[in-house]
C-alpha atoms as a PDB file:
ATOM      1  CA  MET A   1       0.042  -0.024   0.070  1.00  0.00           C
ATOM      2  CA  ALA A   2       1.235   3.430  -0.876  1.00  0.00           C
ATOM      3  CA  LYS A   3       2.144   5.995   1.820  1.00  0.00           C
ATOM      4  CA  LEU A   4       2.261   9.560   1.584  1.00  0.00           C
ATOM      5  CA  SER A   5       5.956   9.522   2.101  1.00  0.00           C
ATOM      6  CA  ASP A   6       6.374   7.817  -1.352  1.00  0.00           C
ATOM      7  CA  LEU A   7       5.194  11.091  -2.881  1.00  0.00           C
ATOM      8  CA  LEU A   8       5.715  13.767  -0.300  1.00  0.00           C
ATOM      9  CA  THR A   9       8.594  14.658   2.087  1.00  0.00           C
ATOM     10  CA  ALA A  10       8.260  15.077   5.835  1.00  0.00           C
ATOM     11  CA  GLU A  11       8.858  18.782   5.313  1.00  0.00           C
ATOM     12  CA  ASP A  12       6.108  18.751   2.692  1.00  0.00           C
ATOM     13  CA  LEU A  13       3.584  17.265   4.976  1.00  0.00           C
ATOM     14  CA  VAL A  14       4.670  19.814   7.608  1.00  0.00           C
ATOM     15  CA  GLN A  15       3.941  22.619   5.453  1.00  0.00           C
ATOM     16  CA  LEU A  16       0.840  21.311   4.051  1.00  0.00           C
ATOM     17  CA  THR A  17      -0.923  20.201   7.370  1.00  0.00           C
ATOM     18  CA  GLY A  18      -3.785  22.455   8.272  1.00  0.00           C
ATOM     19  CA  LEU A  19      -3.899  24.476   4.981  1.00  0.00           C
ATOM     20  CA  PRO A  20      -7.538  25.424   4.182  1.00  0.00           C
ATOM     21  CA  LEU A  21      -9.075  24.668   0.589  1.00  0.00           C
ATOM     22  CA  PHE A  22     -12.544  26.189   0.746  1.00  0.00           C
ATOM     23  CA  ALA A  23     -15.308  26.129  -1.795  1.00  0.00           C
ATOM     24  CA  ARG A  24     -16.250  29.603  -3.200  1.00  0.00           C
ATOM     25  CA  THR A  25     -19.698  28.251  -4.392  1.00  0.00           C
ATOM     26  CA  VAL A  26     -22.157  26.366  -2.610  1.00  0.00           C
ATOM     27  CA  MET A  27     -21.834  22.589  -2.707  1.00  0.00           C
ATOM     28  CA  GLU A  28     -23.867  19.458  -2.343  1.00  0.00           C
ATOM     29  CA  GLY A  29     -22.964  16.603   0.072  1.00  0.00           C
ATOM     30  CA  PHE A  30     -24.022  14.602   2.994  1.00  0.00           C
ATOM     31  CA  SER A  31     -21.116  14.166   5.373  1.00  0.00           C
ATOM     32  CA  THR A  32     -20.025  17.319   7.466  1.00  0.00           C
ATOM     33  CA  GLY A  33     -17.058  19.457   6.488  1.00  0.00           C
ATOM     34  CA  LEU A  34     -16.303  23.046   6.075  1.00  0.00           C
ATOM     35  CA  HIS A  35     -18.596  24.292   3.558  1.00  0.00           C
ATOM     36  CA  ALA A  36     -22.169  25.825   3.480  1.00  0.00           C
ATOM     37  CA  SER A  37     -24.983  23.446   2.235  1.00  0.00           C
ATOM     38  CA  PRO A  38     -27.461  24.596  -0.054  1.00  0.00           C
ATOM     39  CA  HIS A  39     -30.147  22.524   1.441  1.00  0.00           C
ATOM     40  CA  LYS A  40     -31.649  23.579   4.917  1.00  0.00           C
ATOM     41  CA  GLY A  41     -31.428  20.708   7.141  1.00  0.00           C
ATOM     42  CA  SER A  42     -29.272  18.459   5.348  1.00  0.00           C
ATOM     43  CA  SER A  43     -25.767  17.214   6.791  1.00  0.00           C
ATOM     44  CA  VAL A  44     -26.832  19.087  10.147  1.00  0.00           C
ATOM     45  CA  GLU A  45     -24.209  19.074  12.928  1.00  0.00           C
ATOM     46  CA  PHE A  46     -24.629  19.878  16.517  1.00  0.00           C
ATOM     47  CA  ARG A  47     -22.377  23.045  17.485  1.00  0.00           C
ATOM     48  CA  GLN A  48     -23.244  23.955  20.929  1.00  0.00           C
ATOM     49  CA  HIS A  49     -25.587  24.464  23.612  1.00  0.00           C
ATOM     50  CA  ARG A  50     -26.601  27.926  24.894  1.00  0.00           C
ATOM     51  CA  PRO A  51     -29.203  29.343  27.612  1.00  0.00           C
ATOM     52  CA  TYR A  52     -32.753  29.662  26.539  1.00  0.00           C
ATOM     53  CA  VAL A  53     -33.920  33.182  25.938  1.00  0.00           C
ATOM     54  CA  GLN A  54     -37.549  34.279  25.570  1.00  0.00           C
ATOM     55  CA  GLY A  55     -38.545  33.775  21.875  1.00  0.00           C
ATOM     56  CA  ASP A  56     -36.550  30.643  21.102  1.00  0.00           C
ATOM     57  CA  GLU A  57     -38.385  27.766  19.729  1.00  0.00           C
ATOM     58  CA  ILE A  58     -39.561  25.297  22.282  1.00  0.00           C
ATOM     59  CA  LYS A  59     -38.921  22.372  20.130  1.00  0.00           C
ATOM     60  CA  ARG A  60     -35.012  23.244  20.286  1.00  0.00           C
ATOM     61  CA  LEU A  61     -35.043  22.598  24.069  1.00  0.00           C
ATOM     62  CA  ASP A  62     -32.818  19.873  25.271  1.00  0.00           C
ATOM     63  CA  TRP A  63     -34.996  18.101  27.713  1.00  0.00           C
ATOM     64  CA  LYS A  64     -32.220  15.906  28.904  1.00  0.00           C
ATOM     65  CA  ILE A  65     -30.158  18.749  30.203  1.00  0.00           C
ATOM     66  CA  PHE A  66     -33.350  20.231  31.784  1.00  0.00           C
ATOM     67  CA  GLY A  67     -33.850  16.968  33.532  1.00  0.00           C
ATOM     68  CA  ARG A  68     -30.317  16.903  35.029  1.00  0.00           C
ATOM     69  CA  SER A  69     -30.130  20.782  35.768  1.00  0.00           C
ATOM     70  CA  ASP A  70     -33.719  22.079  35.900  1.00  0.00           C
ATOM     71  CA  ARG A  71     -32.380  24.729  33.629  1.00  0.00           C
ATOM     72  CA  PHE A  72     -33.506  25.326  30.091  1.00  0.00           C
ATOM     73  CA  TYR A  73     -30.669  25.239  27.162  1.00  0.00           C
ATOM     74  CA  ILE A  74     -31.059  25.353  23.276  1.00  0.00           C
ATOM     75  CA  ARG A  75     -29.340  23.003  21.168  1.00  0.00           C
ATOM     76  CA  GLU A  76     -27.578  25.166  18.310  1.00  0.00           C
ATOM     77  CA  PHE A  77     -26.748  23.383  14.989  1.00  0.00           C
ATOM     78  CA  ASP A  78     -24.378  24.046  11.924  1.00  0.00           C
ATOM     79  CA  GLU A  79     -26.163  23.395   8.693  1.00  0.00           C
ATOM     80  CA  GLU A  80     -22.904  22.302   6.791  1.00  0.00           C
ATOM     81  CA  THR A  81     -21.674  19.771   4.224  1.00  0.00           C
ATOM     82  CA  ASN A  82     -18.665  18.507   3.015  1.00  0.00           C
ATOM     83  CA  LEU A  83     -16.685  19.652  -0.147  1.00  0.00           C
ATOM     84  CA  ARG A  84     -16.828  17.173  -3.073  1.00  0.00           C
ATOM     85  CA  ALA A  85     -13.431  17.525  -4.891  1.00  0.00           C
ATOM     86  CA  THR A  86     -12.247  15.700  -7.961  1.00  0.00           C
ATOM     87  CA  ILE A  87      -8.444  15.642  -8.776  1.00  0.00           C
ATOM     88  CA  LEU A  88      -8.215  15.521 -12.504  1.00  0.00           C
ATOM     89  CA  LEU A  89      -4.749  14.136 -13.701  1.00  0.00           C
ATOM     90  CA  ASP A  90      -3.579  14.385 -17.186  1.00  0.00           C
ATOM     91  CA  SER A  91      -1.714  11.178 -17.921  1.00  0.00           C
ATOM     92  CA  SER A  92      -0.943  11.675 -21.627  1.00  0.00           C
ATOM     93  CA  GLY A  93       2.334  11.506 -23.381  1.00  0.00           C
ATOM     94  CA  SER A  94       3.290  15.245 -22.977  1.00  0.00           C
ATOM     95  CA  MET A  95       3.433  15.119 -19.322  1.00  0.00           C
ATOM     96  CA  ALA A  96       6.377  12.690 -19.653  1.00  0.00           C
ATOM     97  CA  TYR A  97       8.720  15.561 -20.845  1.00  0.00           C
ATOM     98  CA  ARG A  98      12.017  15.471 -18.896  1.00  0.00           C
ATOM     99  CA  GLY A  99      13.720  18.858 -18.921  1.00  0.00           C
ATOM    100  CA  THR A 100      17.043  19.769 -19.204  1.00  0.00           C
ATOM    101  CA  LYS A 101      17.114  20.117 -15.443  1.00  0.00           C
ATOM    102  CA  GLY A 102      15.958  16.364 -15.274  1.00  0.00           C
ATOM    103  CA  THR A 103      12.570  16.819 -13.712  1.00  0.00           C
ATOM    104  CA  ILE A 104       9.747  14.946 -15.185  1.00  0.00           C
ATOM    105  CA  LYS A 105       6.653  16.769 -15.542  1.00  0.00           C
ATOM    106  CA  TYR A 106       4.298  13.819 -14.624  1.00  0.00           C
ATOM    107  CA  GLU A 107       6.213  13.325 -11.308  1.00  0.00           C
ATOM    108  CA  HIS A 108       5.449  16.895 -10.334  1.00  0.00           C
ATOM    109  CA  ALA A 109       1.858  16.399 -11.237  1.00  0.00           C
ATOM    110  CA  ARG A 110       1.461  13.301  -9.075  1.00  0.00           C
ATOM    111  CA  LYS A 111       3.075  15.021  -6.200  1.00  0.00           C
ATOM    112  CA  LEU A 112       0.605  17.972  -6.554  1.00  0.00           C
ATOM    113  CA  ALA A 113      -2.383  15.329  -6.790  1.00  0.00           C
ATOM    114  CA  ALA A 114      -1.015  13.754  -3.594  1.00  0.00           C
ATOM    115  CA  ALA A 115      -0.631  17.153  -1.857  1.00  0.00           C
ATOM    116  CA  LEU A 116      -4.109  18.289  -2.773  1.00  0.00           C
ATOM    117  CA  ALA A 117      -5.690  14.864  -1.655  1.00  0.00           C
ATOM    118  CA  TYR A 118      -3.664  15.196   1.584  1.00  0.00           C
ATOM    119  CA  VAL A 119      -5.153  18.758   2.257  1.00  0.00           C
ATOM    120  CA  LEU A 120      -8.736  17.749   1.368  1.00  0.00           C
ATOM    121  CA  THR A 121      -8.772  14.686   3.405  1.00  0.00           C
ATOM    122  CA  GLY A 122      -7.094  16.612   6.642  1.00  0.00           C
ATOM    123  CA  GLN A 123     -10.138  18.785   6.394  1.00  0.00           C
ATOM    124  CA  GLN A 124     -12.535  15.891   6.092  1.00  0.00           C
ATOM    125  CA  ASP A 125     -13.741  16.718   2.636  1.00  0.00           C
ATOM    126  CA  ALA A 126     -14.654  14.026   0.001  1.00  0.00           C
ATOM    127  CA  VAL A 127     -11.950  13.593  -2.548  1.00  0.00           C
ATOM    128  CA  GLY A 128     -11.719  11.710  -5.843  1.00  0.00           C
ATOM    129  CA  LEU A 129      -9.187  10.902  -8.392  1.00  0.00           C
ATOM    130  CA  VAL A 130      -9.660  10.679 -12.301  1.00  0.00           C
ATOM    131  CA  THR A 131      -6.621  10.057 -14.611  1.00  0.00           C
ATOM    132  CA  PHE A 132      -6.898  10.257 -18.315  1.00  0.00           C
ATOM    133  CA  ASP A 133      -5.179  10.438 -21.681  1.00  0.00           C
ATOM    134  CA  ASP A 134      -7.358  10.248 -24.683  1.00  0.00           C
ATOM    135  CA  LYS A 135      -9.998   8.575 -22.321  1.00  0.00           C
ATOM    136  CA  LEU A 136     -10.615   8.003 -18.864  1.00  0.00           C
ATOM    137  CA  ARG A 137      -8.146   5.569 -17.213  1.00  0.00           C
ATOM    138  CA  ASP A 138      -9.010   5.576 -13.546  1.00  0.00           C
ATOM    139  CA  PHE A 139     -12.115   6.915 -11.840  1.00  0.00           C
ATOM    140  CA  ILE A 140     -12.085   6.868  -8.093  1.00  0.00           C
ATOM    141  CA  PRO A 141     -15.374   8.620  -6.581  1.00  0.00           C
ATOM    142  CA  CYS A 142     -15.224  11.052  -3.958  1.00  0.00           C
ATOM    143  CA  ARG A 143     -15.040   9.659  -0.332  1.00  0.00           C
ATOM    144  CA  THR A 144     -13.801  10.970   3.031  1.00  0.00           C
ATOM    145  CA  LYS A 145     -12.237   7.985   4.778  1.00  0.00           C
ATOM    146  CA  THR A 146      -8.467   8.051   5.489  1.00  0.00           C
ATOM    147  CA  SER A 147      -8.180   4.650   3.924  1.00  0.00           C
ATOM    148  CA  HIS A 148      -9.667   6.297   0.854  1.00  0.00           C
ATOM    149  CA  LEU A 149      -6.485   8.519   0.739  1.00  0.00           C
ATOM    150  CA  HIS A 150      -4.252   5.292   0.398  1.00  0.00           C
ATOM    151  CA  HIS A 151      -6.576   4.065  -2.656  1.00  0.00           C
ATOM    152  CA  ILE A 152      -5.761   7.450  -4.422  1.00  0.00           C
ATOM    153  CA  LEU A 153      -1.955   7.235  -3.369  1.00  0.00           C
ATOM    154  CA  ASP A 154      -1.925   3.564  -4.649  1.00  0.00           C
ATOM    155  CA  THR A 155      -3.327   4.692  -7.945  1.00  0.00           C
ATOM    156  CA  LEU A 156      -1.066   7.653  -8.286  1.00  0.00           C
ATOM    157  CA  GLN A 157       1.897   5.581  -7.734  1.00  0.00           C
ATOM    158  CA  ARG A 158       1.035   3.044 -10.545  1.00  0.00           C
ATOM    159  CA  SER A 159      -0.119   5.557 -12.958  1.00  0.00           C
ATOM    160  CA  GLN A 160       2.146   6.396 -15.806  1.00  0.00           C
ATOM    161  CA  PRO A 161       1.860   8.691 -18.685  1.00  0.00           C
ATOM    162  CA  GLY A 162       0.540   7.442 -21.824  1.00  0.00           C
ATOM    163  CA  GLY A 163      -0.332   8.439 -25.263  1.00  0.00           C
ATOM    164  CA  GLU A 164      -2.282  10.910 -27.159  1.00  0.00           C
ATOM    165  CA  THR A 165      -4.920  13.147 -25.320  1.00  0.00           C
ATOM    166  CA  SER A 166      -7.949  15.160 -26.399  1.00  0.00           C
ATOM    167  CA  LEU A 167      -8.385  17.282 -23.331  1.00  0.00           C
ATOM    168  CA  ALA A 168     -11.642  18.879 -24.487  1.00  0.00           C
ATOM    169  CA  THR A 169     -13.209  15.643 -25.385  1.00  0.00           C
ATOM    170  CA  VAL A 170     -12.394  14.070 -22.112  1.00  0.00           C
ATOM    171  CA  LEU A 171     -13.668  16.762 -20.002  1.00  0.00           C
ATOM    172  CA  LYS A 172     -17.053  16.815 -21.996  1.00  0.00           C
ATOM    173  CA  ASN A 173     -17.163  13.006 -21.357  1.00  0.00           C
ATOM    174  CA  LEU A 174     -16.524  13.493 -17.567  1.00  0.00           C
ATOM    175  CA  ALA A 175     -19.374  16.069 -17.326  1.00  0.00           C
ATOM    176  CA  SER A 176     -21.766  13.309 -17.904  1.00  0.00           C
ATOM    177  CA  ARG A 177     -20.475  10.974 -15.485  1.00  0.00           C
ATOM    178  CA  LEU A 178     -20.332  13.629 -12.487  1.00  0.00           C
ATOM    179  CA  LYS A 179     -23.835  13.613 -11.090  1.00  0.00           C
ATOM    180  CA  ARG A 180     -23.489  16.129  -8.387  1.00  0.00           C
ATOM    181  CA  ARG A 181     -21.581  19.398  -8.464  1.00  0.00           C
ATOM    182  CA  GLY A 182     -18.225  19.870  -6.771  1.00  0.00           C
ATOM    183  CA  LEU A 183     -14.967  21.310  -7.087  1.00  0.00           C
ATOM    184  CA  LEU A 184     -12.825  20.012  -9.937  1.00  0.00           C
ATOM    185  CA  MET A 185      -8.983  20.414  -9.943  1.00  0.00           C
ATOM    186  CA  LEU A 186      -7.472  19.686 -13.277  1.00  0.00           C
ATOM    187  CA  ILE A 187      -3.669  19.171 -13.293  1.00  0.00           C
ATOM    188  CA  SER A 188      -2.437  19.319 -16.944  1.00  0.00           C
ATOM    189  CA  ASP A 189       0.017  21.260 -19.381  1.00  0.00           C
ATOM    190  CA  CYS A 190      -3.471  21.961 -21.110  1.00  0.00           C
ATOM    191  CA  PHE A 191      -1.842  21.257 -24.497  1.00  0.00           C
ATOM    192  CA  ASP A 192      -4.977  21.386 -26.787  1.00  0.00           C
ATOM    193  CA  ASP A 193      -6.757  23.747 -28.808  1.00  0.00           C
ATOM    194  CA  ALA A 194      -7.717  26.712 -26.215  1.00  0.00           C
ATOM    195  CA  GLU A 195     -11.200  27.170 -27.853  1.00  0.00           C
ATOM    196  CA  ARG A 196     -12.364  23.550 -27.598  1.00  0.00           C
ATOM    197  CA  LEU A 197     -10.992  23.384 -24.150  1.00  0.00           C
ATOM    198  CA  LEU A 198     -12.580  26.356 -22.876  1.00  0.00           C
ATOM    199  CA  GLN A 199     -15.889  25.172 -24.245  1.00  0.00           C
ATOM    200  CA  ALA A 200     -15.552  21.915 -22.382  1.00  0.00           C
ATOM    201  CA  VAL A 201     -14.776  24.047 -19.347  1.00  0.00           C
ATOM    202  CA  GLY A 202     -18.090  25.983 -20.010  1.00  0.00           C
ATOM    203  CA  VAL A 203     -20.041  22.808 -19.881  1.00  0.00           C
ATOM    204  CA  LEU A 204     -18.734  21.869 -16.643  1.00  0.00           C
ATOM    205  CA  ARG A 205     -19.332  25.436 -15.279  1.00  0.00           C
ATOM    206  CA  LYS A 206     -22.994  25.199 -16.460  1.00  0.00           C
ATOM    207  CA  GLN A 207     -23.465  22.046 -14.425  1.00  0.00           C
ATOM    208  CA  GLY A 208     -22.523  24.019 -11.337  1.00  0.00           C
ATOM    209  CA  HIS A 209     -18.791  22.809 -10.819  1.00  0.00           C
ATOM    210  CA  GLU A 210     -16.269  25.131  -9.605  1.00  0.00           C
ATOM    211  CA  ILE A 211     -12.946  24.590 -11.553  1.00  0.00           C
ATOM    212  CA  ILE A 212      -9.202  25.244 -10.622  1.00  0.00           C
ATOM    213  CA  VAL A 213      -6.583  24.512 -13.348  1.00  0.00           C
ATOM    214  CA  PHE A 214      -3.066  23.890 -12.277  1.00  0.00           C
ATOM    215  CA  GLN A 215      -1.052  24.087 -15.315  1.00  0.00           C
ATOM    216  CA  LEU A 216       2.173  22.433 -15.372  1.00  0.00           C
ATOM    217  CA  TRP A 217       5.112  23.845 -17.113  1.00  0.00           C
ATOM    218  CA  ASP A 218       8.881  22.810 -17.433  1.00  0.00           C
ATOM    219  CA  ARG A 219      11.165  25.708 -17.665  1.00  0.00           C
ATOM    220  CA  ASP A 220      12.195  24.666 -21.203  1.00  0.00           C
ATOM    221  CA  GLU A 221       8.632  24.958 -22.355  1.00  0.00           C
ATOM    222  CA  LEU A 222       8.554  28.752 -21.068  1.00  0.00           C
ATOM    223  CA  ASP A 223      12.024  29.630 -22.170  1.00  0.00           C
ATOM    224  CA  PHE A 224      13.020  27.576 -25.249  1.00  0.00           C
ATOM    225  CA  PRO A 225      16.777  27.517 -24.207  1.00  0.00           C
ATOM    226  CA  PHE A 226      17.834  25.215 -27.113  1.00  0.00           C
ATOM    227  CA  SER A 227      20.713  26.571 -29.308  1.00  0.00           C
ATOM    228  CA  ARG A 228      21.983  23.701 -31.298  1.00  0.00           C
ATOM    229  CA  TRP A 229      20.230  21.609 -34.261  1.00  0.00           C
ATOM    230  CA  ALA A 230      18.054  19.151 -32.544  1.00  0.00           C
ATOM    231  CA  ARG A 231      15.476  16.452 -33.221  1.00  0.00           C
ATOM    232  CA  PHE A 232      12.030  17.593 -31.711  1.00  0.00           C
ATOM    233  CA  GLU A 233       9.706  14.710 -31.190  1.00  0.00           C
ATOM    234  CA  ASN A 234       5.815  14.667 -30.483  1.00  0.00           C
ATOM    235  CA  MET A 235       5.629  12.771 -27.205  1.00  0.00           C
ATOM    236  CA  GLU A 236       2.125  11.626 -28.093  1.00  0.00           C
ATOM    237  CA  LYS A 237       3.061  10.318 -31.558  1.00  0.00           C
ATOM    238  CA  THR A 238       6.274   8.474 -31.731  1.00  0.00           C
ATOM    239  CA  ASP A 239       6.438   8.640 -35.431  1.00  0.00           C
ATOM    240  CA  ASP A 240       6.056  12.530 -35.515  1.00  0.00           C
ATOM    241  CA  ALA A 241       9.446  14.348 -35.496  1.00  0.00           C
ATOM    242  CA  LEU A 242      11.159  17.194 -37.045  1.00  0.00           C
ATOM    243  CA  LEU A 243      14.992  18.125 -37.162  1.00  0.00           C
ATOM    244  CA  LEU A 244      15.230  21.845 -36.616  1.00  0.00           C
ATOM    245  CA  ASP A 245      17.601  24.882 -35.995  1.00  0.00           C
ATOM    246  CA  PRO A 246      16.007  26.065 -32.750  1.00  0.00           C
ATOM    247  CA  ALA A 247      17.346  29.668 -33.413  1.00  0.00           C
ATOM    248  CA  ALA A 248      15.226  29.858 -36.431  1.00  0.00           C
ATOM    249  CA  ILE A 249      11.993  29.004 -34.763  1.00  0.00           C
ATOM    250  CA  ARG A 250      12.463  30.490 -31.273  1.00  0.00           C
ATOM    251  CA  GLN A 251      10.762  33.777 -31.762  1.00  0.00           C
ATOM    252  CA  ARG A 252       7.757  32.197 -33.467  1.00  0.00           C
ATOM    253  CA  TYR A 253       7.514  29.610 -30.991  1.00  0.00           C
ATOM    254  CA  LEU A 254       7.545  32.222 -28.136  1.00  0.00           C
ATOM    255  CA  GLN A 255       4.777  34.179 -29.877  1.00  0.00           C
ATOM    256  CA  VAL A 256       2.642  31.045 -30.380  1.00  0.00           C
ATOM    257  CA  LEU A 257       3.225  30.468 -26.581  1.00  0.00           C
ATOM    258  CA  LYS A 258       2.308  33.716 -25.486  1.00  0.00           C
ATOM    259  CA  THR A 259      -1.066  33.690 -27.434  1.00  0.00           C
ATOM    260  CA  PHE A 260      -1.868  30.432 -26.057  1.00  0.00           C
ATOM    261  CA  ARG A 261      -1.329  31.389 -22.468  1.00  0.00           C
ATOM    262  CA  GLU A 262      -3.200  34.704 -22.818  1.00  0.00           C
ATOM    263  CA  ASP A 263      -6.230  32.958 -24.600  1.00  0.00           C
ATOM    264  CA  LEU A 264      -6.269  30.466 -21.766  1.00  0.00           C
ATOM    265  CA  VAL A 265      -6.187  33.095 -18.869  1.00  0.00           C
ATOM    266  CA  GLU A 266      -8.737  35.098 -20.490  1.00  0.00           C
ATOM    267  CA  GLY A 267     -11.042  32.315 -21.372  1.00  0.00           C
ATOM    268  CA  LEU A 268     -10.949  30.708 -17.759  1.00  0.00           C
ATOM    269  CA  ARG A 269     -11.527  34.147 -16.341  1.00  0.00           C
ATOM    270  CA  ARG A 270     -14.708  34.650 -18.293  1.00  0.00           C
ATOM    271  CA  HIS A 271     -15.762  31.366 -16.875  1.00  0.00           C
ATOM    272  CA  HIS A 272     -14.821  32.182 -13.277  1.00  0.00           C
ATOM    273  CA  ALA A 273     -12.316  29.418 -13.263  1.00  0.00           C
ATOM    274  CA  ASP A 274      -8.798  29.756 -11.722  1.00  0.00           C
ATOM    275  CA  LEU A 275      -5.514  28.988 -13.544  1.00  0.00           C
ATOM    276  CA  VAL A 276      -2.441  28.299 -11.303  1.00  0.00           C
ATOM    277  CA  PRO A 277       0.699  27.974 -13.111  1.00  0.00           C
ATOM    278  CA  ILE A 278       3.054  25.284 -11.778  1.00  0.00           C
ATOM    279  CA  ILE A 279       6.699  25.298 -12.981  1.00  0.00           C
ATOM    280  CA  THR A 280       8.559  22.122 -12.039  1.00  0.00           C
ATOM    281  CA  ASP A 281      11.794  23.766 -11.060  1.00  0.00           C
ATOM    282  CA  GLU A 282       9.992  25.634  -8.247  1.00  0.00           C
ATOM    283  CA  PRO A 283       9.073  24.299  -4.924  1.00  0.00           C
ATOM    284  CA  LEU A 284       5.820  22.653  -5.072  1.00  0.00           C
ATOM    285  CA  THR A 285       4.651  23.022  -1.371  1.00  0.00           C
ATOM    286  CA  GLU A 286       5.396  26.879  -1.638  1.00  0.00           C
ATOM    287  CA  ALA A 287       3.219  27.254  -4.811  1.00  0.00           C
ATOM    288  CA  VAL A 288       0.218  25.338  -3.177  1.00  0.00           C
ATOM    289  CA  LYS A 289       0.529  27.389  -0.126  1.00  0.00           C
ATOM    290  CA  ALA A 290       0.704  30.677  -2.279  1.00  0.00           C
ATOM    291  CA  TYR A 291      -2.199  30.023  -4.241  1.00  0.00           C
ATOM    292  CA  LEU A 292      -4.299  28.806  -1.297  1.00  0.00           C
ATOM    293  CA  ALA A 293      -3.377  31.861   0.637  1.00  0.00           C
ATOM    294  CA  LEU A 294      -4.483  34.040  -2.201  1.00  0.00           C
ATOM    295  CA  ARG A 295      -7.673  32.034  -2.440  1.00  0.00           C
ATOM    296  CA  MET A 296      -8.557  32.809   1.001  1.00  0.00           C
ATOM    297  CA  ARG A 297      -8.013  36.530   0.597  1.00  0.00           C
ATOM    298  CA  GLN A 298     -10.190  36.499  -2.320  1.00  0.00           C
END
């Protein structure tokens, strides 16, 4: 059975423990968590007793305490529910890229998924996991038990980046399987047609889901530091490769990259979805802490 220490260091766990990840929108659920329920009376949890004051409903009196103390106390409740959060992990071939600094994007993505699952489980929220390339590979429904976290970790440990992906198609297919609204956390490099991807996000948003996109980048993909002639291979199509002079295409590459990123930022903003850049040569827990702190302030 996989352990947290297989993916996260002891220092990571110390930094992540107690971090809050709240829902901004109203969620549906059954068990008690940190998030407001849209249904009066569902998932009602006792909070405290307080002395009766004139005008309180008699039906809320705790008669057991009255029998012991001969005093009237009112039972107060919190109408709360847990957040249902699903981690969507892109396991396509492009996530297997190993940069010039030796970091594999997918290893960073798996650690991020483990970190998010740990934070959510720690606050008694229901967390699930979906892995995919051109189709859904693993589908683990949301649960709150600690043992469920180990199931997610086992799946993360054995998962490997595969072949091609159509991110937009996968998200649209996923929309038909998610019967209840919740928080969707996509971990991906988002290498797909931006317009089609944003259309799929729009479908999920119309269903009431809240969406956070953690976009994984290797520093090479952002800076394009190559200087010598090189063979550039499509990591999702092994027979697709070009021999190129990097100097001849660098400016064009950076311009296309800039346009892609700007389109994604603007499109996700329109859908009220968060975009969180995650760069593999930067400390993962620091990036998670910074985002959650910003989310709390907002």
